[in-house]
Amino acid sequence: MKKNGVREVFNAILDEIIRIGNEYNLKIGKELVIDSTPIEKKNMKQAAYNPKYDMKCVKYHNLRCARTGIPLDYYTSTGTEYDGNMFVALVYRAMQHGINPIRVFGDGHYTTAKDLMRLREYFGIEAICNIADNWILKDKDSFKDLKADYQKLWKLEDFKTDANTDYIKWFMIQHDKTEVLENFYHNDMLKKFQNDPEGYLTRLKIRSSIEHGHGLEKKHTELKNIQASNLNTFETHLGMHVISRLALA
């Protein structure tokens, strides 16, 4: 079937699981958890050495329902590609199966301000992620700042002098002038942590479920032993692995 055929089977089974889940009011995908895990591949040309894991590897990117553990999307990359590059794309693709997430949990690799903004402004999804020790509050994060940036674009065709908030947001997103919006969601996450560190970290504990799940997969399945000469072949076999998890669900 190759990679695309396996993806079609995955999509069909996941659609059926979501349908049945709705019948039982399981609310699959209401909360999401995302992470990647390295798979050692010493002889694959597309694998890359990752100093954090001290191995030449590829990455298995995994988006799951936080409540049920059901996999909602998967992806493979080299061992050094930044995890956050796949964040919004994986969430968006999972939403095509009829789920309506309200929040997603992740580690510090999923905290670029642009992605936090995209999740909230495009999809209405809150992100709760690990916060780095060096995070600081950013300037220019208010509607006043947003409107000031908007006024600078008065020469553009779609500019309106009497624009409301939603129009201004749409306009700034359309023209990729989203610094103020990005600052707002960066600051919003940091303020939630600063106002209640214990409560924030308690909510974030749900993220550990996916790390535990990756550990179980590697221990009890042949995930680590997938034989593949390139990333496409690896993703084909990974897809069949994930399909087996859907079949169990």
Foldseek 3Di string as FASTA:
>chain_A
DFQVVLVVLVLVLVLVVVVVCVVVVVLFQQEKEKDKDWFADQQAPQADQDPVVRGGTKIKIFMGRLPPRQTQDIAIHHPPDQPLVCVVVSVVSSCVSPHQYAEYAYEPSNQQLVNQLCCCVVRNHHYQYHDDPPDDQDPQQDVVSLVVVLVVPCVDDPRDPPDDPVVSVVVCVVVVNCPNSSSNSSNVNVVVCVVPVVVSVVVNVSNVVVVVVVVCCVVPHCLSVDDDRYRRSNSNVVSVVSVVSSVVD
